């Protein structure tokens, strides 16, 4: 049994539209009809206002011809043949004859015959102030179609959810409740605006925040391990559990627990160190004096960490 639903949707900001020439675009504003500009010749208000910067990039010249041809054809009440390279036509004697004017000249003559501008432009007045706009507007009927890409089907938001088991970053996918990718272009935009705290929040705090144990003696983050203390047999006093010793961290390479520091870093940085170690490339971390003095691993360690990576250093 197949059940189909019809859900009418009014166009909202973010919905996608396109002409028949591939001139696609997204609705950016919704204006009341009374505030739209109106023509001083016909009094008509446009249903759609597009940015003229869309034409140099996509070069949809046929859309301009459609606007002029539809405008002239509606004024004369006839169809317009806009076939490319239609200057050469066959005459009555069967021989090829060349017309004197091109298609653009023919369309311009059709508009001029009905009292309109030759180039299809008109003078519009502001619907808010009623004043004349300081530039001429190219206006005409163009067939537009609504695409199935609607913002109501694409919006995505995430507070907490699943993370990837390898990178510990949020998973991708709207259906899976994943996060929105903060890519290279978004990163470059934040860098260009100098938004360092926002960049740190998006790419570190809200992504794969990780507190790693770093050995300040050898600078390794892969040889540290937590030693689980042995439980001491202590009688319960007042129903309370027995006391446990705090966890102890040591470095297997140095065979000591001295010089262990906690540093906040992205987890993929630790993953990168593990991948380089698999290729016999050692990465050492040198902690600054501010990081060594800091007792808060969340703020002090993250701010005071210096990571000069020794590239190309091979373990013998």
C-alpha atoms as a PDB file:
ATOM      1  CA  UNK A   1       0.000   0.000   0.000  1.00  0.00           C
ATOM      2  CA  UNK A   2       1.441   3.332  -1.074  1.00  0.00           C
ATOM      3  CA  UNK A   3       0.284   6.457   0.691  1.00  0.00           C
ATOM      4  CA  UNK A   4       1.174   9.858  -0.689  1.00  0.00           C
ATOM      5  CA  UNK A   5       0.842  13.140   1.128  1.00  0.00           C
ATOM      6  CA  UNK A   6       0.451  16.554  -0.396  1.00  0.00           C
ATOM      7  CA  UNK A   7       1.763  19.321   1.803  1.00  0.00           C
ATOM      8  CA  UNK A   8       1.487  22.810   0.302  1.00  0.00           C
ATOM      9  CA  UNK A   9       4.353  25.113   1.195  1.00  0.00           C
ATOM     10  CA  UNK A  10       4.588  28.820   0.672  1.00  0.00           C
ATOM     11  CA  UNK A  11       7.972  30.093  -0.521  1.00  0.00           C
ATOM     12  CA  UNK A  12      10.141  31.209   2.382  1.00  0.00           C
ATOM     13  CA  UNK A  13      13.654  32.529   2.758  1.00  0.00           C
ATOM     14  CA  UNK A  14      16.083  29.808   1.728  1.00  0.00           C
ATOM     15  CA  UNK A  15      13.949  28.071  -0.906  1.00  0.00           C
ATOM     16  CA  UNK A  16      15.533  27.510  -4.300  1.00  0.00           C
ATOM     17  CA  UNK A  17      14.214  28.684  -7.669  1.00  0.00           C
ATOM     18  CA  UNK A  18      15.519  28.509 -11.189  1.00  0.00           C
ATOM     19  CA  UNK A  19      14.684  29.688 -14.666  1.00  0.00           C
ATOM     20  CA  UNK A  20      14.715  27.385 -17.680  1.00  0.00           C
ATOM     21  CA  UNK A  21      18.248  28.522 -18.490  1.00  0.00           C
ATOM     22  CA  UNK A  22      19.965  27.220 -15.375  1.00  0.00           C
ATOM     23  CA  UNK A  23      19.862  30.573 -13.605  1.00  0.00           C
ATOM     24  CA  UNK A  24      19.315  29.147 -10.154  1.00  0.00           C
ATOM     25  CA  UNK A  25      19.111  31.131  -6.956  1.00  0.00           C
ATOM     26  CA  UNK A  26      17.906  31.188  -3.378  1.00  0.00           C
ATOM     27  CA  UNK A  27      15.202  33.460  -2.009  1.00  0.00           C
ATOM     28  CA  UNK A  28      16.938  35.932   0.289  1.00  0.00           C
ATOM     29  CA  UNK A  29      14.112  38.332   1.199  1.00  0.00           C
ATOM     30  CA  UNK A  30      10.334  38.363   1.272  1.00  0.00           C
ATOM     31  CA  UNK A  31       8.749  41.771   0.756  1.00  0.00           C
ATOM     32  CA  UNK A  32       5.097  42.791   0.997  1.00  0.00           C
ATOM     33  CA  UNK A  33       3.503  43.407  -2.367  1.00  0.00           C
ATOM     34  CA  UNK A  34       2.738  47.024  -1.501  1.00  0.00           C
ATOM     35  CA  UNK A  35       6.426  47.754  -0.837  1.00  0.00           C
ATOM     36  CA  UNK A  36       7.646  46.334  -4.138  1.00  0.00           C
ATOM     37  CA  UNK A  37       8.733  48.837  -6.803  1.00  0.00           C
ATOM     38  CA  UNK A  38       6.229  49.524  -9.572  1.00  0.00           C
ATOM     39  CA  UNK A  39       6.598  50.551 -13.195  1.00  0.00           C
ATOM     40  CA  UNK A  40       5.833  54.104 -14.186  1.00  0.00           C
ATOM     41  CA  UNK A  41       4.461  52.964 -17.566  1.00  0.00           C
ATOM     42  CA  UNK A  42       2.264  49.978 -16.738  1.00  0.00           C
ATOM     43  CA  UNK A  43       2.033  50.189 -12.942  1.00  0.00           C
ATOM     44  CA  UNK A  44       2.987  46.523 -12.663  1.00  0.00           C
ATOM     45  CA  UNK A  45       5.052  45.223  -9.769  1.00  0.00           C
ATOM     46  CA  UNK A  46       7.701  42.552 -10.365  1.00  0.00           C
ATOM     47  CA  UNK A  47       7.203  39.188  -8.694  1.00  0.00           C
ATOM     48  CA  UNK A  48      10.916  38.505  -8.522  1.00  0.00           C
ATOM     49  CA  UNK A  49      13.988  40.719  -8.316  1.00  0.00           C
ATOM     50  CA  UNK A  50      17.307  39.078  -9.144  1.00  0.00           C
ATOM     51  CA  UNK A  51      20.850  40.302  -8.731  1.00  0.00           C
ATOM     52  CA  UNK A  52      22.463  41.454 -12.005  1.00  0.00           C
ATOM     53  CA  UNK A  53      25.766  39.941 -10.879  1.00  0.00           C
ATOM     54  CA  UNK A  54      24.277  36.524 -11.719  1.00  0.00           C
ATOM     55  CA  UNK A  55      24.695  37.083 -15.476  1.00  0.00           C
ATOM     56  CA  UNK A  56      28.457  37.632 -15.944  1.00  0.00           C
ATOM     57  CA  UNK A  57      29.271  34.385 -14.140  1.00  0.00           C
ATOM     58  CA  UNK A  58      26.685  32.017 -15.634  1.00  0.00           C
ATOM     59  CA  UNK A  59      26.327  33.926 -18.939  1.00  0.00           C
ATOM     60  CA  UNK A  60      22.670  33.031 -19.462  1.00  0.00           C
ATOM     61  CA  UNK A  61      22.069  35.340 -22.401  1.00  0.00           C
ATOM     62  CA  UNK A  62      19.017  33.358 -23.508  1.00  0.00           C
ATOM     63  CA  UNK A  63      17.254  34.445 -20.327  1.00  0.00           C
ATOM     64  CA  UNK A  64      17.588  38.077 -21.383  1.00  0.00           C
ATOM     65  CA  UNK A  65      16.279  37.205 -24.820  1.00  0.00           C
ATOM     66  CA  UNK A  66      13.360  35.347 -23.257  1.00  0.00           C
ATOM     67  CA  UNK A  67      12.436  38.403 -21.223  1.00  0.00           C
ATOM     68  CA  UNK A  68      12.475  40.732 -24.221  1.00  0.00           C
ATOM     69  CA  UNK A  69      10.796  38.200 -26.529  1.00  0.00           C
ATOM     70  CA  UNK A  70       8.031  37.404 -24.043  1.00  0.00           C
ATOM     71  CA  UNK A  71       7.443  41.086 -23.449  1.00  0.00           C
ATOM     72  CA  UNK A  72       7.232  41.875 -27.143  1.00  0.00           C
ATOM     73  CA  UNK A  73       5.169  38.787 -27.918  1.00  0.00           C
ATOM     74  CA  UNK A  74       2.615  39.604 -25.212  1.00  0.00           C
ATOM     75  CA  UNK A  75       2.252  43.152 -26.524  1.00  0.00           C
ATOM     76  CA  UNK A  76       1.727  41.983 -30.117  1.00  0.00           C
ATOM     77  CA  UNK A  77      -0.210  38.828 -29.227  1.00  0.00           C
ATOM     78  CA  UNK A  78       1.959  36.387 -31.140  1.00  0.00           C
ATOM     79  CA  UNK A  79       4.680  33.830 -30.636  1.00  0.00           C
ATOM     80  CA  UNK A  80       8.301  34.812 -31.152  1.00  0.00           C
ATOM     81  CA  UNK A  81      10.805  32.519 -32.853  1.00  0.00           C
ATOM     82  CA  UNK A  82      14.099  32.910 -31.033  1.00  0.00           C
ATOM     83  CA  UNK A  83      15.964  30.113 -32.803  1.00  0.00           C
ATOM     84  CA  UNK A  84      19.729  30.771 -32.813  1.00  0.00           C
ATOM     85  CA  UNK A  85      21.341  31.759 -36.127  1.00  0.00           C
ATOM     86  CA  UNK A  86      17.946  32.546 -37.617  1.00  0.00           C
ATOM     87  CA  UNK A  87      19.124  35.540 -39.649  1.00  0.00           C
ATOM     88  CA  UNK A  88      19.301  33.484 -42.859  1.00  0.00           C
ATOM     89  CA  UNK A  89      15.820  32.471 -44.055  1.00  0.00           C
ATOM     90  CA  UNK A  90      14.519  31.018 -47.293  1.00  0.00           C
ATOM     91  CA  UNK A  91      12.671  33.381 -49.537  1.00  0.00           C
ATOM     92  CA  UNK A  92       9.634  32.708 -51.735  1.00  0.00           C
ATOM     93  CA  UNK A  93      11.794  31.533 -54.632  1.00  0.00           C
ATOM     94  CA  UNK A  94      13.531  28.920 -52.480  1.00  0.00           C
ATOM     95  CA  UNK A  95      16.835  30.761 -52.338  1.00  0.00           C
ATOM     96  CA  UNK A  96      18.514  31.741 -49.090  1.00  0.00           C
ATOM     97  CA  UNK A  97      18.053  35.364 -48.229  1.00  0.00           C
ATOM     98  CA  UNK A  98      19.610  37.264 -45.337  1.00  0.00           C
ATOM     99  CA  UNK A  99      17.463  39.575 -43.278  1.00  0.00           C
ATOM    100  CA  UNK A 100      18.754  43.034 -42.569  1.00  0.00           C
ATOM    101  CA  UNK A 101      18.189  42.973 -38.811  1.00  0.00           C
ATOM    102  CA  UNK A 102      19.150  40.383 -36.230  1.00  0.00           C
ATOM    103  CA  UNK A 103      16.914  38.818 -33.607  1.00  0.00           C
ATOM    104  CA  UNK A 104      17.836  41.436 -31.033  1.00  0.00           C
ATOM    105  CA  UNK A 105      16.989  44.246 -33.438  1.00  0.00           C
ATOM    106  CA  UNK A 106      13.688  42.583 -34.252  1.00  0.00           C
ATOM    107  CA  UNK A 107      12.750  42.264 -30.591  1.00  0.00           C
ATOM    108  CA  UNK A 108      13.750  45.852 -29.920  1.00  0.00           C
ATOM    109  CA  UNK A 109      11.610  47.035 -32.820  1.00  0.00           C
ATOM    110  CA  UNK A 110       8.624  45.127 -31.428  1.00  0.00           C
ATOM    111  CA  UNK A 111       8.932  46.920 -28.096  1.00  0.00           C
ATOM    112  CA  UNK A 112       9.441  50.318 -29.704  1.00  0.00           C
ATOM    113  CA  UNK A 113       6.330  49.827 -31.829  1.00  0.00           C
ATOM    114  CA  UNK A 114       4.229  49.604 -28.646  1.00  0.00           C
ATOM    115  CA  UNK A 115       5.799  52.596 -26.952  1.00  0.00           C
ATOM    116  CA  UNK A 116       8.329  50.757 -24.783  1.00  0.00           C
ATOM    117  CA  UNK A 117      12.063  51.160 -24.553  1.00  0.00           C
ATOM    118  CA  UNK A 118      14.105  49.528 -27.291  1.00  0.00           C
ATOM    119  CA  UNK A 119      16.351  47.704 -24.781  1.00  0.00           C
ATOM    120  CA  UNK A 120      13.523  46.474 -22.535  1.00  0.00           C
ATOM    121  CA  UNK A 121      14.256  48.769 -19.593  1.00  0.00           C
ATOM    122  CA  UNK A 122      11.692  50.801 -17.679  1.00  0.00           C
ATOM    123  CA  UNK A 123      11.624  53.443 -14.985  1.00  0.00           C
ATOM    124  CA  UNK A 124      10.489  52.067 -11.625  1.00  0.00           C
ATOM    125  CA  UNK A 125       9.316  53.882  -8.536  1.00  0.00           C
ATOM    126  CA  UNK A 126       9.934  52.875  -4.947  1.00  0.00           C
ATOM    127  CA  UNK A 127       6.958  51.207  -3.325  1.00  0.00           C
ATOM    128  CA  UNK A 128       7.959  52.554   0.088  1.00  0.00           C
ATOM    129  CA  UNK A 129       8.779  56.212  -0.655  1.00  0.00           C
ATOM    130  CA  UNK A 130       7.189  56.639  -4.082  1.00  0.00           C
ATOM    131  CA  UNK A 131      10.331  58.243  -5.475  1.00  0.00           C
ATOM    132  CA  UNK A 132      11.823  57.408  -8.838  1.00  0.00           C
ATOM    133  CA  UNK A 133      14.705  54.963  -8.787  1.00  0.00           C
ATOM    134  CA  UNK A 134      17.932  56.481 -10.032  1.00  0.00           C
ATOM    135  CA  UNK A 135      18.578  53.705 -12.562  1.00  0.00           C
ATOM    136  CA  UNK A 136      16.651  51.971 -15.301  1.00  0.00           C
ATOM    137  CA  UNK A 137      15.474  48.449 -14.544  1.00  0.00           C
ATOM    138  CA  UNK A 138      15.416  45.632 -17.083  1.00  0.00           C
ATOM    139  CA  UNK A 139      11.975  44.102 -16.579  1.00  0.00           C
ATOM    140  CA  UNK A 140      10.036  41.445 -18.445  1.00  0.00           C
ATOM    141  CA  UNK A 141       8.197  38.125 -18.030  1.00  0.00           C
ATOM    142  CA  UNK A 142      10.423  35.076 -17.518  1.00  0.00           C
ATOM    143  CA  UNK A 143       9.233  31.558 -16.722  1.00  0.00           C
ATOM    144  CA  UNK A 144      10.528  30.482 -13.325  1.00  0.00           C
ATOM    145  CA  UNK A 145      10.210  27.095 -11.671  1.00  0.00           C
ATOM    146  CA  UNK A 146      10.446  26.049  -8.055  1.00  0.00           C
ATOM    147  CA  UNK A 147      12.979  23.392  -7.194  1.00  0.00           C
ATOM    148  CA  UNK A 148      12.620  20.695  -4.580  1.00  0.00           C
ATOM    149  CA  UNK A 149      15.507  22.069  -2.525  1.00  0.00           C
ATOM    150  CA  UNK A 150      13.664  23.707   0.362  1.00  0.00           C
ATOM    151  CA  UNK A 151      15.139  25.004   3.568  1.00  0.00           C
ATOM    152  CA  UNK A 152      12.497  23.219   5.631  1.00  0.00           C
ATOM    153  CA  UNK A 153      14.051  19.909   4.491  1.00  0.00           C
ATOM    154  CA  UNK A 154      17.668  20.999   4.899  1.00  0.00           C
ATOM    155  CA  UNK A 155      17.921  22.875   8.176  1.00  0.00           C
ATOM    156  CA  UNK A 156      20.150  21.165  10.688  1.00  0.00           C
ATOM    157  CA  UNK A 157      21.002  21.814  14.328  1.00  0.00           C
ATOM    158  CA  UNK A 158      22.942  19.845  16.917  1.00  0.00           C
ATOM    159  CA  UNK A 159      23.811  20.361  20.560  1.00  0.00           C
ATOM    160  CA  UNK A 160      25.154  16.971  21.644  1.00  0.00           C
ATOM    161  CA  UNK A 161      25.184  13.590  19.963  1.00  0.00           C
ATOM    162  CA  UNK A 162      27.288  10.762  18.639  1.00  0.00           C
ATOM    163  CA  UNK A 163      30.966  11.170  17.879  1.00  0.00           C
ATOM    164  CA  UNK A 164      33.282   9.247  15.596  1.00  0.00           C
ATOM    165  CA  UNK A 165      35.160   6.460  17.344  1.00  0.00           C
ATOM    166  CA  UNK A 166      38.455   7.236  15.631  1.00  0.00           C
ATOM    167  CA  UNK A 167      38.642  11.032  15.608  1.00  0.00           C
ATOM    168  CA  UNK A 168      36.156  11.663  18.453  1.00  0.00           C
ATOM    169  CA  UNK A 169      34.633  14.418  16.343  1.00  0.00           C
ATOM    170  CA  UNK A 170      30.880  14.723  15.675  1.00  0.00           C
ATOM    171  CA  UNK A 171      29.612  12.369  13.006  1.00  0.00           C
ATOM    172  CA  UNK A 172      28.210  13.684   9.742  1.00  0.00           C
ATOM    173  CA  UNK A 173      24.734  13.265   8.360  1.00  0.00           C
ATOM    174  CA  UNK A 174      21.498  15.093   9.029  1.00  0.00           C
ATOM    175  CA  UNK A 175      19.512  11.904   9.515  1.00  0.00           C
ATOM    176  CA  UNK A 176      21.994  10.616  12.075  1.00  0.00           C
ATOM    177  CA  UNK A 177      21.900  13.789  14.114  1.00  0.00           C
ATOM    178  CA  UNK A 178      25.404  14.745  13.057  1.00  0.00           C
ATOM    179  CA  UNK A 179      27.127  18.070  13.211  1.00  0.00           C
ATOM    180  CA  UNK A 180      27.560  20.746  10.573  1.00  0.00           C
ATOM    181  CA  UNK A 181      30.972  20.731   8.925  1.00  0.00           C
ATOM    182  CA  UNK A 182      33.188  23.707   9.696  1.00  0.00           C
ATOM    183  CA  UNK A 183      35.446  23.460   6.667  1.00  0.00           C
ATOM    184  CA  UNK A 184      38.483  25.238   5.274  1.00  0.00           C
ATOM    185  CA  UNK A 185      36.560  28.187   3.859  1.00  0.00           C
ATOM    186  CA  UNK A 186      34.786  28.808   7.151  1.00  0.00           C
ATOM    187  CA  UNK A 187      38.104  28.592   8.964  1.00  0.00           C
ATOM    188  CA  UNK A 188      39.704  31.091   6.589  1.00  0.00           C
ATOM    189  CA  UNK A 189      36.778  33.453   7.081  1.00  0.00           C
ATOM    190  CA  UNK A 190      37.210  33.355  10.840  1.00  0.00           C
ATOM    191  CA  UNK A 191      40.948  33.952  10.467  1.00  0.00           C
ATOM    192  CA  UNK A 192      40.368  36.894   8.141  1.00  0.00           C
ATOM    193  CA  UNK A 193      38.038  38.501  10.685  1.00  0.00           C
ATOM    194  CA  UNK A 194      40.415  37.868  13.562  1.00  0.00           C
ATOM    195  CA  UNK A 195      37.839  35.836  15.511  1.00  0.00           C
ATOM    196  CA  UNK A 196      40.360  33.716  17.375  1.00  0.00           C
ATOM    197  CA  UNK A 197      38.136  32.839  20.317  1.00  0.00           C
ATOM    198  CA  UNK A 198      35.267  31.796  18.054  1.00  0.00           C
ATOM    199  CA  UNK A 199      37.626  29.681  15.959  1.00  0.00           C
ATOM    200  CA  UNK A 200      38.987  28.022  19.097  1.00  0.00           C
ATOM    201  CA  UNK A 201      35.466  27.352  20.315  1.00  0.00           C
ATOM    202  CA  UNK A 202      34.275  25.765  17.062  1.00  0.00           C
ATOM    203  CA  UNK A 203      37.345  23.705  16.202  1.00  0.00           C
ATOM    204  CA  UNK A 204      38.438  22.692  19.691  1.00  0.00           C
ATOM    205  CA  UNK A 205      36.016  23.157  22.557  1.00  0.00           C
ATOM    206  CA  UNK A 206      32.899  22.037  20.673  1.00  0.00           C
ATOM    207  CA  UNK A 207      34.588  19.449  18.467  1.00  0.00           C
ATOM    208  CA  UNK A 208      37.165  17.006  19.852  1.00  0.00           C
ATOM    209  CA  UNK A 209      38.290  18.529  23.127  1.00  0.00           C
ATOM    210  CA  UNK A 210      40.778  16.197  24.793  1.00  0.00           C
ATOM    211  CA  UNK A 211      43.011  16.422  27.854  1.00  0.00           C
ATOM    212  CA  UNK A 212      46.242  14.518  27.245  1.00  0.00           C
ATOM    213  CA  UNK A 213      49.011  13.540  29.621  1.00  0.00           C
ATOM    214  CA  UNK A 214      52.345  14.840  28.322  1.00  0.00           C
ATOM    215  CA  UNK A 215      55.753  13.877  29.616  1.00  0.00           C
ATOM    216  CA  UNK A 216      57.784  17.061  29.935  1.00  0.00           C
ATOM    217  CA  UNK A 217      61.031  15.064  30.048  1.00  0.00           C
ATOM    218  CA  UNK A 218      60.798  13.336  26.666  1.00  0.00           C
ATOM    219  CA  UNK A 219      57.896  15.321  25.153  1.00  0.00           C
ATOM    220  CA  UNK A 220      55.833  12.258  24.297  1.00  0.00           C
ATOM    221  CA  UNK A 221      52.067  11.895  24.504  1.00  0.00           C
ATOM    222  CA  UNK A 222      51.962   8.263  23.363  1.00  0.00           C
ATOM    223  CA  UNK A 223      54.082   6.623  26.052  1.00  0.00           C
ATOM    224  CA  UNK A 224      52.049   7.862  29.012  1.00  0.00           C
ATOM    225  CA  UNK A 225      49.665   5.553  30.824  1.00  0.00           C
ATOM    226  CA  UNK A 226      47.495   5.612  33.913  1.00  0.00           C
ATOM    227  CA  UNK A 227      48.467   3.172  36.633  1.00  0.00           C
ATOM    228  CA  UNK A 228      45.418   1.867  38.388  1.00  0.00           C
ATOM    229  CA  UNK A 229      46.040   1.750  42.144  1.00  0.00           C
ATOM    230  CA  UNK A 230      45.375  -1.385  44.086  1.00  0.00           C
ATOM    231  CA  UNK A 231      42.333  -1.337  46.293  1.00  0.00           C
ATOM    232  CA  UNK A 232      43.194  -1.347  49.959  1.00  0.00           C
ATOM    233  CA  UNK A 233      41.106  -3.515  52.235  1.00  0.00           C
ATOM    234  CA  UNK A 234      39.576  -1.023  54.629  1.00  0.00           C
ATOM    235  CA  UNK A 235      36.565  -1.609  56.771  1.00  0.00           C
ATOM    236  CA  UNK A 236      33.510   0.384  55.821  1.00  0.00           C
ATOM    237  CA  UNK A 237      32.810   3.143  58.276  1.00  0.00           C
ATOM    238  CA  UNK A 238      29.214   4.225  58.452  1.00  0.00           C
ATOM    239  CA  UNK A 239      28.331   2.438  55.215  1.00  0.00           C
ATOM    240  CA  UNK A 240      30.848   4.481  53.129  1.00  0.00           C
ATOM    241  CA  UNK A 241      32.994   2.741  50.471  1.00  0.00           C
ATOM    242  CA  UNK A 242      36.712   2.278  51.166  1.00  0.00           C
ATOM    243  CA  UNK A 243      39.021   5.112  50.271  1.00  0.00           C
ATOM    244  CA  UNK A 244      40.943   4.839  47.039  1.00  0.00           C
ATOM    245  CA  UNK A 245      44.263   6.336  46.162  1.00  0.00           C
ATOM    246  CA  UNK A 246      44.328   8.946  43.356  1.00  0.00           C
ATOM    247  CA  UNK A 247      45.265   7.822  39.864  1.00  0.00           C
ATOM    248  CA  UNK A 248      48.918   7.912  38.985  1.00  0.00           C
ATOM    249  CA  UNK A 249      50.308   8.654  35.501  1.00  0.00           C
ATOM    250  CA  UNK A 250      53.754   7.560  34.387  1.00  0.00           C
ATOM    251  CA  UNK A 251      55.812   7.545  31.205  1.00  0.00           C
ATOM    252  CA  UNK A 252      56.872   4.107  29.996  1.00  0.00           C
ATOM    253  CA  UNK A 253      59.762   5.549  27.998  1.00  0.00           C
ATOM    254  CA  UNK A 254      61.251   7.422  30.958  1.00  0.00           C
ATOM    255  CA  UNK A 255      60.078   4.851  33.524  1.00  0.00           C
ATOM    256  CA  UNK A 256      59.058   7.601  35.923  1.00  0.00           C
ATOM    257  CA  UNK A 257      56.011   9.545  36.941  1.00  0.00           C
ATOM    258  CA  UNK A 258      57.869  12.826  37.391  1.00  0.00           C
ATOM    259  CA  UNK A 259      57.315  15.668  34.960  1.00  0.00           C
ATOM    260  CA  UNK A 260      53.840  14.588  33.895  1.00  0.00           C
ATOM    261  CA  UNK A 261      51.634  17.466  32.761  1.00  0.00           C
ATOM    262  CA  UNK A 262      48.055  17.662  31.484  1.00  0.00           C
ATOM    263  CA  UNK A 263      47.508  19.653  28.286  1.00  0.00           C
ATOM    264  CA  UNK A 264      44.264  20.358  26.458  1.00  0.00           C
ATOM    265  CA  UNK A 265      44.496  19.633  22.732  1.00  0.00           C
ATOM    266  CA  UNK A 266      42.336  18.393  19.851  1.00  0.00           C
ATOM    267  CA  UNK A 267      42.136  14.627  19.839  1.00  0.00           C
ATOM    268  CA  UNK A 268      43.105  14.488  16.157  1.00  0.00           C
ATOM    269  CA  UNK A 269      46.464  15.927  17.206  1.00  0.00           C
ATOM    270  CA  UNK A 270      47.025  12.832  19.314  1.00  0.00           C
ATOM    271  CA  UNK A 271      45.760  10.722  16.409  1.00  0.00           C
ATOM    272  CA  UNK A 272      48.272  12.433  14.111  1.00  0.00           C
ATOM    273  CA  UNK A 273      51.092  11.645  16.524  1.00  0.00           C
ATOM    274  CA  UNK A 274      50.020   7.990  16.556  1.00  0.00           C
ATOM    275  CA  UNK A 275      49.956   7.807  12.745  1.00  0.00           C
ATOM    276  CA  UNK A 276      53.384   9.412  12.484  1.00  0.00           C
ATOM    277  CA  UNK A 277      54.700   6.971  15.068  1.00  0.00           C
ATOM    278  CA  UNK A 278      53.396   4.108  12.929  1.00  0.00           C
ATOM    279  CA  UNK A 279      55.585   5.473  10.107  1.00  0.00           C
ATOM    280  CA  UNK A 280      58.617   5.670  12.428  1.00  0.00           C
ATOM    281  CA  UNK A 281      58.437   9.455  12.783  1.00  0.00           C
ATOM    282  CA  UNK A 282      58.689  10.830  16.290  1.00  0.00           C
ATOM    283  CA  UNK A 283      56.800  13.918  17.416  1.00  0.00           C
ATOM    284  CA  UNK A 284      57.927  15.674  20.579  1.00  0.00           C
ATOM    285  CA  UNK A 285      56.073  18.403  22.444  1.00  0.00           C
ATOM    286  CA  UNK A 286      57.920  21.101  24.346  1.00  0.00           C
ATOM    287  CA  UNK A 287      55.826  22.745  27.040  1.00  0.00           C
ATOM    288  CA  UNK A 288      56.346  26.405  27.780  1.00  0.00           C
ATOM    289  CA  UNK A 289      57.060  27.712  31.245  1.00  0.00           C
ATOM    290  CA  UNK A 290      53.512  29.077  31.506  1.00  0.00           C
ATOM    291  CA  UNK A 291      52.094  25.630  30.847  1.00  0.00           C
ATOM    292  CA  UNK A 292      54.332  24.051  33.455  1.00  0.00           C
ATOM    293  CA  UNK A 293      53.318  26.600  36.080  1.00  0.00           C
ATOM    294  CA  UNK A 294      49.621  26.289  35.306  1.00  0.00           C
ATOM    295  CA  UNK A 295      47.576  23.955  37.423  1.00  0.00           C
ATOM    296  CA  UNK A 296      44.383  24.175  35.329  1.00  0.00           C
ATOM    297  CA  UNK A 297      44.570  21.744  32.384  1.00  0.00           C
ATOM    298  CA  UNK A 298      41.564  23.277  30.661  1.00  0.00           C
ATOM    299  CA  UNK A 299      42.654  26.898  30.346  1.00  0.00           C
ATOM    300  CA  UNK A 300      46.295  27.250  31.326  1.00  0.00           C
ATOM    301  CA  UNK A 301      47.527  24.177  29.502  1.00  0.00           C
ATOM    302  CA  UNK A 302      45.701  24.996  26.303  1.00  0.00           C
ATOM    303  CA  UNK A 303      46.960  28.581  26.230  1.00  0.00           C
ATOM    304  CA  UNK A 304      50.535  27.940  27.251  1.00  0.00           C
ATOM    305  CA  UNK A 305      51.254  24.963  25.007  1.00  0.00           C
ATOM    306  CA  UNK A 306      53.961  25.306  22.385  1.00  0.00           C
ATOM    307  CA  UNK A 307      54.164  22.499  19.854  1.00  0.00           C
ATOM    308  CA  UNK A 308      57.357  22.641  17.796  1.00  0.00           C
ATOM    309  CA  UNK A 309      57.155  19.406  15.827  1.00  0.00           C
ATOM    310  CA  UNK A 310      60.426  17.784  14.925  1.00  0.00           C
ATOM    311  CA  UNK A 311      59.712  16.776  11.359  1.00  0.00           C
ATOM    312  CA  UNK A 312      61.695  13.981   9.847  1.00  0.00           C
ATOM    313  CA  UNK A 313      63.241  12.783  13.112  1.00  0.00           C
ATOM    314  CA  UNK A 314      63.503   9.017  12.889  1.00  0.00           C
ATOM    315  CA  UNK A 315      63.841   6.696  15.824  1.00  0.00           C
ATOM    316  CA  UNK A 316      67.031   4.675  15.624  1.00  0.00           C
END
